[in-house]
N, C-alpha and C. Protein backbone atom coordinates (compact mmCIF):
# COMPACT_ATOMS: atom_id res chain seq x y z
N MET A 1 -19.71 4.35 27.23
CA MET A 1 -19.04 2.80 27.04
C MET A 1 -18.52 2.53 28.58
N THR A 2 -18.86 1.17 28.26
CA THR A 2 -18.81 0.30 30.04
C THR A 2 -17.49 0.39 29.65
N GLY A 3 -16.85 -0.23 30.85
CA GLY A 3 -15.45 -0.41 31.07
C GLY A 3 -14.81 -1.37 30.10
N ASN A 4 -15.92 -2.52 30.52
CA ASN A 4 -15.29 -3.68 29.47
C ASN A 4 -15.27 -3.22 27.68
N GLU A 5 -16.18 -2.53 27.60
CA GLU A 5 -16.17 -2.08 26.13
C GLU A 5 -15.17 -1.02 25.70
N ARG A 6 -14.56 0.00 26.96
CA ARG A 6 -13.33 0.55 26.86
C ARG A 6 -11.87 -0.45 26.81
N GLN A 7 -11.62 -1.34 27.69
CA GLN A 7 -11.09 -2.11 27.59
C GLN A 7 -10.52 -3.13 26.38
N GLN A 8 -11.61 -3.08 26.09
CA GLN A 8 -11.52 -4.15 24.49
C GLN A 8 -11.43 -3.26 23.34
N THR A 9 -11.51 -1.93 23.47
CA THR A 9 -11.29 -1.10 22.60
C THR A 9 -9.66 -0.95 22.38
N THR A 10 -9.07 -0.25 23.81
CA THR A 10 -7.91 -0.44 24.09
C THR A 10 -7.15 -1.23 23.63
N ARG A 11 -7.81 -2.71 24.21
CA ARG A 11 -6.70 -3.93 23.73
C ARG A 11 -6.70 -4.23 21.77
N ARG A 12 -7.64 -3.71 21.31
CA ARG A 12 -7.79 -3.79 19.92
C ARG A 12 -7.01 -2.72 18.94
N SER A 13 -7.06 -1.09 19.86
CA SER A 13 -6.00 -0.55 19.19
C SER A 13 -4.85 -0.69 18.47
N PRO A 14 -4.17 -1.40 19.25
CA PRO A 14 -2.91 -1.47 18.82
C PRO A 14 -2.82 -2.77 17.56
N LEU A 15 -3.60 -3.29 17.76
CA LEU A 15 -3.87 -4.62 16.85
C LEU A 15 -4.06 -3.60 15.17
N LEU A 16 -5.03 -2.94 15.41
CA LEU A 16 -5.64 -2.01 14.22
C LEU A 16 -4.68 -1.22 13.44
N GLN A 17 -3.72 -0.41 14.40
CA GLN A 17 -2.43 0.41 13.92
C GLN A 17 -1.66 -0.45 13.28
N ALA A 18 -1.11 -1.95 14.02
CA ALA A 18 -0.06 -2.56 12.99
C ALA A 18 -0.90 -3.06 11.74
N ALA A 19 -2.35 -3.33 11.81
CA ALA A 19 -2.87 -3.64 10.46
C ALA A 19 -2.58 -2.70 9.55
N HIS A 20 -3.05 -1.25 9.75
CA HIS A 20 -3.22 -0.38 9.24
C HIS A 20 -1.84 -0.07 8.52
N GLU A 21 -0.57 -0.45 9.52
CA GLU A 21 1.00 0.23 9.11
C GLU A 21 1.25 -1.28 7.82
N GLU A 22 0.97 -1.90 8.14
CA GLU A 22 1.08 -3.66 7.19
C GLU A 22 0.63 -2.99 5.67
N MET A 23 -1.02 -2.67 5.99
CA MET A 23 -1.66 -2.22 4.86
C MET A 23 -0.77 -1.10 3.91
N ILE A 24 -0.19 0.04 4.59
CA ILE A 24 0.00 0.89 3.95
C ILE A 24 1.53 0.20 3.21
N LYS A 25 2.39 -0.63 3.96
CA LYS A 25 3.72 -1.06 3.66
C LYS A 25 3.31 -1.87 2.58
N PHE A 26 2.24 -2.89 2.17
CA PHE A 26 2.04 -3.82 1.00
C PHE A 26 1.84 -2.49 0.12
N GLU A 27 0.91 -1.60 0.20
CA GLU A 27 0.33 -0.70 -1.13
C GLU A 27 1.91 -0.12 -1.74
N ARG A 28 3.02 0.41 -0.92
CA ARG A 28 3.95 1.06 -1.34
C ARG A 28 4.80 -0.03 -2.56
N GLN A 29 4.88 -1.40 -1.65
CA GLN A 29 5.52 -1.97 -2.43
C GLN A 29 4.93 -2.48 -3.94
N GLU A 30 3.64 -2.81 -3.52
CA GLU A 30 2.82 -3.16 -4.84
C GLU A 30 3.12 -2.13 -5.55
N ASN A 31 2.77 -0.58 -5.47
CA ASN A 31 3.22 0.26 -6.48
C ASN A 31 4.22 0.45 -7.04
N GLU A 32 5.40 0.37 -6.16
CA GLU A 32 7.01 0.04 -6.68
C GLU A 32 6.52 -0.85 -7.89
N PHE A 33 6.25 -2.28 -7.39
CA PHE A 33 6.41 -3.47 -8.50
C PHE A 33 5.55 -3.16 -9.65
N ARG A 34 4.65 -2.59 -9.60
CA ARG A 34 3.92 -2.13 -10.71
C ARG A 34 4.70 -0.95 -11.42
N ARG A 35 4.99 -0.18 -10.78
CA ARG A 35 5.74 0.67 -11.48
C ARG A 35 7.22 -0.06 -12.08
N LYS A 36 7.94 -0.66 -11.74
CA LYS A 36 9.01 -1.41 -12.28
C LYS A 36 8.42 -2.32 -13.69
N ASP A 37 7.08 -2.77 -13.14
CA ASP A 37 7.09 -3.89 -14.20
C ASP A 37 6.28 -3.09 -15.47
N ARG A 38 5.55 -1.86 -15.25
CA ARG A 38 5.51 -1.04 -16.26
C ARG A 38 6.35 -0.46 -17.05
N GLU A 39 7.75 -0.77 -16.47
CA GLU A 39 9.26 0.62 -17.43
C GLU A 39 9.34 -1.00 -18.01
N GLU A 40 9.43 -1.84 -17.54
CA GLU A 40 10.34 -3.30 -18.25
C GLU A 40 9.49 -3.62 -19.37
N ARG A 41 7.76 -3.48 -19.32
CA ARG A 41 7.24 -3.57 -20.52
C ARG A 41 7.26 -2.71 -21.38
N ALA A 42 7.05 -1.37 -21.19
CA ALA A 42 7.65 -0.39 -21.76
C ALA A 42 8.84 -0.11 -22.73
N SER A 43 10.09 -0.50 -22.04
CA SER A 43 11.37 -1.20 -22.32
C SER A 43 11.27 -2.03 -23.77
N GLU A 44 10.95 -2.85 -23.33
CA GLU A 44 10.98 -4.45 -23.92
C GLU A 44 10.09 -3.73 -25.50
N LEU A 45 8.51 -2.89 -25.42
CA LEU A 45 7.98 -2.44 -26.48
C LEU A 45 8.42 -1.50 -26.74
N HIS A 46 10.03 -0.96 -26.65
CA HIS A 46 10.17 0.27 -26.59
C HIS A 46 9.33 1.64 -26.85
N LEU A 47 8.71 1.66 -26.11
CA LEU A 47 7.85 2.87 -25.70
C LEU A 47 8.44 3.76 -24.94
N PRO A 48 8.02 5.15 -25.19
CA PRO A 48 8.77 6.49 -24.61
C PRO A 48 7.81 6.43 -23.45
N LEU A 49 8.01 6.01 -22.06
CA LEU A 49 7.26 5.98 -20.95
C LEU A 49 7.21 7.60 -20.49
N ASN A 50 8.45 8.47 -21.22
CA ASN A 50 8.18 9.52 -20.41
C ASN A 50 7.14 10.36 -21.09
N ASP A 51 7.01 10.17 -22.26
CA ASP A 51 5.88 11.19 -22.94
C ASP A 51 5.07 10.83 -22.62
N ILE A 52 4.33 9.70 -21.82
CA ILE A 52 3.04 9.01 -21.70
C ILE A 52 2.58 9.45 -20.26
N LYS A 53 1.36 10.14 -20.31
CA LYS A 53 1.12 10.45 -18.55
C LYS A 53 0.45 9.73 -18.34
N ILE A 54 1.03 8.99 -17.07
CA ILE A 54 0.19 8.08 -16.49
C ILE A 54 -0.60 8.80 -15.18
N HIS A 55 -1.46 8.76 -14.99
CA HIS A 55 -2.61 9.10 -13.56
C HIS A 55 -2.94 8.16 -12.86
């Protein structure tokens, strides 16, 4: 790896790390939203959500 390539990789690394952390944060929020939505729909339909195994 040349010095220029190493410098570009070093500058890009924090950006990739930040993007990865934002993606993880988004996925957690999306999972929480889906869980709440599923619970609300089950409540409206009077479904026993605890008895249903969701994988």
